[in-house]
């Protein structure tokens, strides 16, 4: 099997179906979080889950209009190779998404640069 450009990440489908507007950023999720991502609408509500995906797909590098997103302290060490520090997006009181973004990810020597968000951690427990 040839190496995949995003391994171990894969596309994160938008809860509730296709978005109205084409995403500006590719939203990826780590394989270990795939099952939790599928549970997200049931745990935090479809509206909150869709809003989280829309935020990540359009403006992960800016503060959200609704909700809260903060840079995690001490994560600058993970800001390498064009990736941002780790950010913590509050989906609701019962859900948090930790992610990084890269405005010009190429996926290797042969890839074309494009904006990518990768979800590295998903927590659906309460604070």
N, C-alpha and C. Protein backbone atom coordinates (compact mmCIF):
# COMPACT_ATOMS: atom_id res chain seq x y z
N UNK A 1 0.85 -1.18 0.00
CA UNK A 1 0.00 0.00 0.00
C UNK A 1 0.89 1.24 0.00
N UNK A 2 0.69 2.18 -0.89
CA UNK A 2 1.53 3.38 -0.94
C UNK A 2 1.25 4.28 0.27
N UNK A 3 2.24 5.07 0.69
CA UNK A 3 2.03 5.95 1.84
C UNK A 3 0.96 7.00 1.53
N UNK A 4 0.16 7.32 2.54
CA UNK A 4 -0.89 8.32 2.37
C UNK A 4 -0.37 9.67 2.83
N UNK A 5 -0.83 10.71 2.20
CA UNK A 5 -0.35 12.06 2.49
C UNK A 5 -0.71 12.51 3.89
N UNK A 6 -1.83 12.03 4.44
CA UNK A 6 -2.29 12.52 5.73
C UNK A 6 -2.14 11.52 6.87
N UNK A 7 -1.59 10.37 6.61
CA UNK A 7 -1.51 9.34 7.63
C UNK A 7 -0.85 9.87 8.90
N UNK A 8 -1.39 9.63 10.09
CA UNK A 8 -2.55 8.83 10.49
C UNK A 8 -3.86 9.63 10.55
N UNK A 9 -3.95 10.71 9.82
CA UNK A 9 -5.15 11.54 9.80
C UNK A 9 -6.02 11.19 8.60
N UNK A 10 -7.30 11.46 8.73
CA UNK A 10 -8.25 11.22 7.65
C UNK A 10 -9.27 12.35 7.64
N UNK A 11 -9.97 12.53 6.55
CA UNK A 11 -10.95 13.62 6.49
C UNK A 11 -12.03 13.46 7.58
N UNK A 12 -12.37 14.57 8.19
CA UNK A 12 -13.44 14.59 9.20
C UNK A 12 -14.71 15.07 8.52
N UNK A 13 -15.69 14.20 8.38
CA UNK A 13 -16.93 14.63 7.72
C UNK A 13 -17.68 15.64 8.57
N UNK A 14 -18.40 16.53 7.90
CA UNK A 14 -19.17 17.55 8.63
C UNK A 14 -20.41 16.91 9.23
N UNK A 15 -20.61 17.07 10.54
CA UNK A 15 -21.85 16.57 11.14
C UNK A 15 -23.06 17.25 10.50
N UNK A 16 -24.04 16.47 10.13
CA UNK A 16 -25.23 17.03 9.50
C UNK A 16 -25.17 17.08 8.00
N UNK A 17 -24.08 16.63 7.40
CA UNK A 17 -24.00 16.60 5.94
C UNK A 17 -23.16 17.70 5.34
N UNK A 18 -23.22 17.78 4.04
CA UNK A 18 -22.39 18.72 3.28
C UNK A 18 -22.65 20.16 3.70
N UNK A 19 -21.60 20.97 3.75
CA UNK A 19 -21.78 22.39 4.11
C UNK A 19 -22.39 23.18 2.96
N UNK A 20 -23.00 24.30 3.31
CA UNK A 20 -23.54 25.19 2.28
C UNK A 20 -22.42 25.84 1.49
N UNK A 21 -21.38 26.29 2.19
CA UNK A 21 -20.22 26.93 1.55
C UNK A 21 -19.06 25.96 1.51
N UNK A 22 -18.31 25.98 0.43
CA UNK A 22 -17.14 25.12 0.31
C UNK A 22 -16.13 25.48 1.40
N UNK A 23 -15.55 24.48 2.06
CA UNK A 23 -14.58 24.78 3.12
C UNK A 23 -13.31 25.39 2.55
N UNK A 24 -12.73 26.30 3.31
CA UNK A 24 -11.47 26.91 2.92
C UNK A 24 -10.29 26.08 3.41
N UNK A 25 -10.49 25.34 4.49
CA UNK A 25 -9.46 24.49 5.10
C UNK A 25 -9.93 23.04 5.04
N UNK A 26 -9.01 22.13 4.79
CA UNK A 26 -9.32 20.70 4.87
C UNK A 26 -9.29 20.31 6.34
N UNK A 27 -10.35 19.70 6.80
CA UNK A 27 -10.44 19.30 8.20
C UNK A 27 -10.15 17.81 8.30
N UNK A 28 -9.10 17.48 9.05
CA UNK A 28 -8.68 16.10 9.23
C UNK A 28 -8.80 15.74 10.70
N UNK A 29 -8.97 14.46 10.97
CA UNK A 29 -9.04 13.99 12.35
C UNK A 29 -8.12 12.78 12.50
N UNK A 30 -7.47 12.69 13.65
CA UNK A 30 -6.61 11.55 13.92
C UNK A 30 -7.47 10.30 14.00
N UNK A 31 -6.95 9.20 13.47
CA UNK A 31 -7.70 7.95 13.43
C UNK A 31 -8.22 7.53 14.81
N UNK A 32 -7.44 7.80 15.86
CA UNK A 32 -7.85 7.37 17.20
C UNK A 32 -9.08 8.13 17.69
N UNK A 33 -9.42 9.25 17.05
CA UNK A 33 -10.58 10.05 17.45
C UNK A 33 -11.79 9.84 16.55
N UNK A 34 -11.68 9.00 15.56
CA UNK A 34 -12.74 8.82 14.55
C UNK A 34 -14.07 8.43 15.18
N UNK A 35 -14.07 7.48 16.12
CA UNK A 35 -15.33 7.04 16.72
C UNK A 35 -15.96 8.14 17.58
N UNK A 36 -15.13 8.88 18.31
CA UNK A 36 -15.66 10.00 19.11
C UNK A 36 -16.24 11.08 18.20
N UNK A 37 -15.61 11.31 17.06
CA UNK A 37 -16.12 12.31 16.12
C UNK A 37 -17.53 11.92 15.64
N UNK A 38 -17.74 10.65 15.41
CA UNK A 38 -19.05 10.17 14.97
C UNK A 38 -20.10 10.37 16.08
N UNK A 39 -19.69 10.33 17.34
CA UNK A 39 -20.59 10.53 18.47
C UNK A 39 -20.86 12.01 18.77
N UNK A 40 -20.06 12.89 18.23
CA UNK A 40 -20.13 14.31 18.57
C UNK A 40 -21.54 14.90 18.49
N UNK A 41 -22.30 14.71 17.41
CA UNK A 41 -23.64 15.30 17.35
C UNK A 41 -24.58 14.80 18.46
N UNK A 42 -24.46 13.53 18.81
CA UNK A 42 -25.31 12.97 19.86
C UNK A 42 -24.93 13.52 21.24
N UNK A 43 -23.66 13.80 21.43
CA UNK A 43 -23.18 14.23 22.75
C UNK A 43 -23.31 15.73 22.97
N UNK A 44 -23.10 16.53 21.93
CA UNK A 44 -23.13 18.00 22.11
C UNK A 44 -24.23 18.67 21.31
N UNK A 45 -24.97 17.91 20.52
CA UNK A 45 -26.02 18.46 19.68
C UNK A 45 -25.52 18.71 18.27
N UNK A 46 -26.39 18.50 17.31
CA UNK A 46 -26.01 18.65 15.90
C UNK A 46 -25.60 20.08 15.58
N UNK A 47 -26.29 21.06 16.13
CA UNK A 47 -25.96 22.46 15.86
C UNK A 47 -24.55 22.80 16.35
N UNK A 48 -24.20 22.39 17.57
CA UNK A 48 -22.86 22.67 18.11
C UNK A 48 -21.79 21.92 17.32
N UNK A 49 -22.07 20.68 16.96
CA UNK A 49 -21.09 19.89 16.20
C UNK A 49 -20.86 20.49 14.82
N UNK A 50 -21.93 20.89 14.15
CA UNK A 50 -21.81 21.51 12.82
C UNK A 50 -21.08 22.85 12.91
N UNK A 51 -21.39 23.63 13.94
CA UNK A 51 -20.74 24.92 14.14
C UNK A 51 -19.23 24.74 14.36
N UNK A 52 -18.86 23.70 15.10
CA UNK A 52 -17.43 23.43 15.33
C UNK A 52 -16.73 23.11 14.02
N UNK A 53 -17.33 22.23 13.21
CA UNK A 53 -16.71 21.88 11.93
C UNK A 53 -16.62 23.11 11.04
N UNK A 54 -17.69 23.91 11.00
CA UNK A 54 -17.69 25.11 10.16
C UNK A 54 -16.59 26.07 10.59
N UNK A 55 -16.40 26.23 11.89
CA UNK A 55 -15.33 27.09 12.40
C UNK A 55 -13.97 26.56 11.93
N UNK A 56 -13.73 25.27 12.10
CA UNK A 56 -12.45 24.68 11.71
C UNK A 56 -12.23 24.75 10.19
N UNK A 57 -13.29 24.64 9.43
CA UNK A 57 -13.18 24.62 7.97
C UNK A 57 -13.05 26.00 7.35
N UNK A 58 -13.36 27.05 8.12
CA UNK A 58 -13.34 28.39 7.54
C UNK A 58 -12.39 29.38 8.22
N UNK A 59 -12.31 29.37 9.55
CA UNK A 59 -11.49 30.38 10.23
C UNK A 59 -10.78 29.85 11.47
N UNK A 60 -10.04 28.75 11.38
CA UNK A 60 -9.39 28.22 12.58
C UNK A 60 -8.28 29.12 13.12
N UNK A 61 -7.82 30.03 12.29
CA UNK A 61 -6.74 30.94 12.68
C UNK A 61 -7.27 32.25 13.26
N UNK A 62 -8.58 32.33 13.51
CA UNK A 62 -9.20 33.53 14.08
C UNK A 62 -10.11 33.11 15.23
N UNK A 63 -10.42 34.03 16.14
CA UNK A 63 -11.36 33.68 17.22
C UNK A 63 -12.74 33.35 16.64
N UNK A 64 -13.44 32.38 17.23
CA UNK A 64 -14.77 32.02 16.73
C UNK A 64 -15.80 33.10 17.06
N UNK A 65 -16.82 33.23 16.23
CA UNK A 65 -17.91 34.18 16.49
C UNK A 65 -18.74 33.71 17.68
N UNK A 66 -18.94 32.40 17.77
CA UNK A 66 -19.69 31.81 18.88
C UNK A 66 -18.81 30.73 19.50
N UNK A 67 -18.75 30.70 20.80
CA UNK A 67 -17.93 29.71 21.47
C UNK A 67 -16.59 30.29 21.88
N UNK A 68 -15.72 29.42 22.35
CA UNK A 68 -14.44 29.86 22.88
C UNK A 68 -13.32 28.98 22.34
N UNK A 69 -12.22 29.62 21.99
CA UNK A 69 -11.04 28.91 21.50
C UNK A 69 -9.81 29.58 22.10
N UNK A 70 -8.95 28.80 22.72
CA UNK A 70 -7.75 29.35 23.34
C UNK A 70 -6.53 28.52 22.95
N UNK A 71 -5.41 29.19 22.88
CA UNK A 71 -4.15 28.50 22.63
C UNK A 71 -3.72 27.83 23.93
N UNK A 72 -3.39 26.56 23.86
CA UNK A 72 -2.96 25.87 25.06
C UNK A 72 -1.55 26.31 25.43
N UNK A 73 -1.37 26.62 26.69
CA UNK A 73 -0.06 27.06 27.17
C UNK A 73 0.95 25.93 27.05
N UNK A 74 2.16 26.30 26.70
CA UNK A 74 3.24 25.32 26.61
C UNK A 74 3.22 24.48 25.35
N UNK A 75 2.37 24.82 24.38
CA UNK A 75 2.31 24.00 23.17
C UNK A 75 3.05 24.63 22.00
N UNK A 76 3.75 25.71 22.24
CA UNK A 76 4.55 26.30 21.15
C UNK A 76 5.58 25.32 20.62
N UNK A 77 6.01 24.37 21.46
CA UNK A 77 7.00 23.38 21.03
C UNK A 77 6.44 22.48 19.91
N UNK A 78 5.11 22.43 19.78
CA UNK A 78 4.50 21.62 18.73
C UNK A 78 4.32 22.42 17.44
N UNK A 79 4.62 23.70 17.48
CA UNK A 79 4.50 24.56 16.29
C UNK A 79 5.75 24.38 15.43
N UNK A 80 5.73 23.36 14.60
CA UNK A 80 6.87 23.02 13.75
C UNK A 80 6.39 22.78 12.33
N UNK A 81 7.28 22.98 11.39
CA UNK A 81 7.01 22.67 9.98
C UNK A 81 5.74 23.33 9.47
N UNK A 82 5.47 24.55 9.92
CA UNK A 82 4.32 25.29 9.46
C UNK A 82 3.05 25.09 10.27
N UNK A 83 3.06 24.12 11.19
CA UNK A 83 1.90 23.87 12.04
C UNK A 83 1.85 24.88 13.16
N UNK A 84 0.66 25.25 13.57
CA UNK A 84 0.46 26.18 14.68
C UNK A 84 0.70 25.47 16.00
N UNK A 85 0.65 26.24 17.07
CA UNK A 85 0.59 25.65 18.41
C UNK A 85 -0.76 24.93 18.51
N UNK A 86 -1.00 24.25 19.60
CA UNK A 86 -2.26 23.53 19.79
C UNK A 86 -3.31 24.49 20.34
N UNK A 87 -4.49 24.46 19.74
CA UNK A 87 -5.62 25.28 20.18
C UNK A 87 -6.72 24.38 20.73
N UNK A 88 -7.48 24.93 21.65
CA UNK A 88 -8.50 24.21 22.41
C UNK A 88 -9.83 24.89 22.13
N UNK A 89 -10.71 24.22 21.36
CA UNK A 89 -12.02 24.78 21.01
C UNK A 89 -13.08 24.13 21.87
N UNK A 90 -13.88 24.95 22.56
CA UNK A 90 -14.96 24.46 23.41
C UNK A 90 -16.21 24.28 22.55
N UNK A 91 -16.58 23.03 22.31
CA UNK A 91 -17.78 22.75 21.53
C UNK A 91 -19.00 23.03 22.39
N UNK A 92 -18.94 22.60 23.63
CA UNK A 92 -19.98 22.84 24.62
C UNK A 92 -19.36 22.49 25.97
N UNK A 93 -20.17 22.50 27.01
CA UNK A 93 -19.66 22.09 28.31
C UNK A 93 -19.24 20.63 28.32
N UNK A 94 -19.69 19.88 27.34
CA UNK A 94 -19.39 18.45 27.28
C UNK A 94 -18.44 18.08 26.15
N UNK A 95 -17.83 19.05 25.50
CA UNK A 95 -16.96 18.68 24.39
C UNK A 95 -15.87 19.70 24.12
N UNK A 96 -14.68 19.17 23.87
CA UNK A 96 -13.54 20.01 23.54
C UNK A 96 -12.76 19.37 22.40
N UNK A 97 -12.28 20.23 21.51
CA UNK A 97 -11.50 19.78 20.35
C UNK A 97 -10.14 20.48 20.41
N UNK A 98 -9.07 19.70 20.40
CA UNK A 98 -7.73 20.26 20.32
C UNK A 98 -7.24 20.07 18.89
N UNK A 99 -6.73 21.16 18.31
CA UNK A 99 -6.36 21.11 16.90
C UNK A 99 -5.14 21.99 16.62
N UNK A 100 -4.57 21.78 15.46
CA UNK A 100 -3.51 22.61 14.91
C UNK A 100 -3.89 22.93 13.48
N UNK A 101 -3.32 24.01 12.96
CA UNK A 101 -3.58 24.34 11.56
C UNK A 101 -2.26 24.69 10.87
N UNK A 102 -2.29 24.51 9.56
CA UNK A 102 -1.14 24.82 8.71
C UNK A 102 -1.70 25.42 7.43
N UNK A 103 -1.40 26.68 7.18
CA UNK A 103 -1.97 27.40 6.03
C UNK A 103 -1.40 26.94 4.70
N UNK A 104 -0.28 26.24 4.70
CA UNK A 104 0.32 25.83 3.43
C UNK A 104 0.90 24.42 3.54
N UNK A 105 0.09 23.47 3.96
CA UNK A 105 0.53 22.08 4.09
C UNK A 105 0.61 21.45 2.72
N UNK A 106 1.72 20.77 2.44
CA UNK A 106 1.87 20.16 1.12
C UNK A 106 1.80 18.64 1.17
N UNK A 107 1.91 18.05 2.34
CA UNK A 107 1.81 16.59 2.44
C UNK A 107 3.00 15.85 1.86
N UNK A 108 4.11 16.53 1.66
CA UNK A 108 5.30 15.88 1.12
C UNK A 108 5.86 16.64 -0.06
N UNK A 109 6.86 16.07 -0.68
CA UNK A 109 7.57 16.75 -1.75
C UNK A 109 6.72 16.95 -3.00
N UNK A 110 5.74 16.09 -3.23
CA UNK A 110 4.95 16.17 -4.47
C UNK A 110 3.59 16.82 -4.29
N UNK A 111 3.24 17.21 -3.08
CA UNK A 111 1.91 17.76 -2.84
C UNK A 111 1.82 19.25 -3.15
N UNK A 112 0.59 19.70 -3.38
CA UNK A 112 0.35 21.13 -3.59
C UNK A 112 0.00 21.76 -2.24
N UNK A 113 0.54 22.94 -1.93
CA UNK A 113 0.24 23.57 -0.64
C UNK A 113 -1.23 23.97 -0.54
N UNK A 114 -1.84 23.63 0.59
CA UNK A 114 -3.23 24.00 0.84
C UNK A 114 -3.44 24.08 2.36
N UNK A 115 -4.43 24.84 2.80
CA UNK A 115 -4.68 24.99 4.23
C UNK A 115 -5.34 23.74 4.83
N UNK A 116 -4.77 23.28 5.95
CA UNK A 116 -5.23 22.07 6.60
C UNK A 116 -5.37 22.31 8.10
N UNK A 117 -6.43 21.75 8.67
CA UNK A 117 -6.63 21.71 10.12
C UNK A 117 -6.59 20.25 10.51
N UNK A 118 -5.84 19.93 11.56
CA UNK A 118 -5.85 18.55 12.03
C UNK A 118 -6.31 18.51 13.49
N UNK A 119 -7.32 17.71 13.72
CA UNK A 119 -7.84 17.51 15.07
C UNK A 119 -6.99 16.42 15.70
N UNK A 120 -6.30 16.79 16.78
CA UNK A 120 -5.39 15.83 17.40
C UNK A 120 -5.95 15.19 18.65
N UNK A 121 -6.96 15.82 19.24
CA UNK A 121 -7.55 15.28 20.45
C UNK A 121 -9.00 15.72 20.53
N UNK A 122 -9.84 14.83 21.00
CA UNK A 122 -11.26 15.11 21.14
C UNK A 122 -11.69 14.58 22.50
N UNK A 123 -12.28 15.43 23.32
CA UNK A 123 -12.70 15.03 24.65
C UNK A 123 -14.18 15.36 24.79
N UNK A 124 -14.97 14.33 25.05
CA UNK A 124 -16.41 14.54 25.19
C UNK A 124 -16.87 14.37 26.63
N UNK A 125 -15.94 14.43 27.56
CA UNK A 125 -16.29 14.41 28.97
C UNK A 125 -16.52 15.82 29.47
N UNK A 126 -17.15 15.95 30.62
CA UNK A 126 -17.36 17.28 31.16
C UNK A 126 -16.10 17.76 31.85
N UNK A 127 -15.99 19.06 32.06
CA UNK A 127 -14.81 19.64 32.72
C UNK A 127 -14.68 19.16 34.12
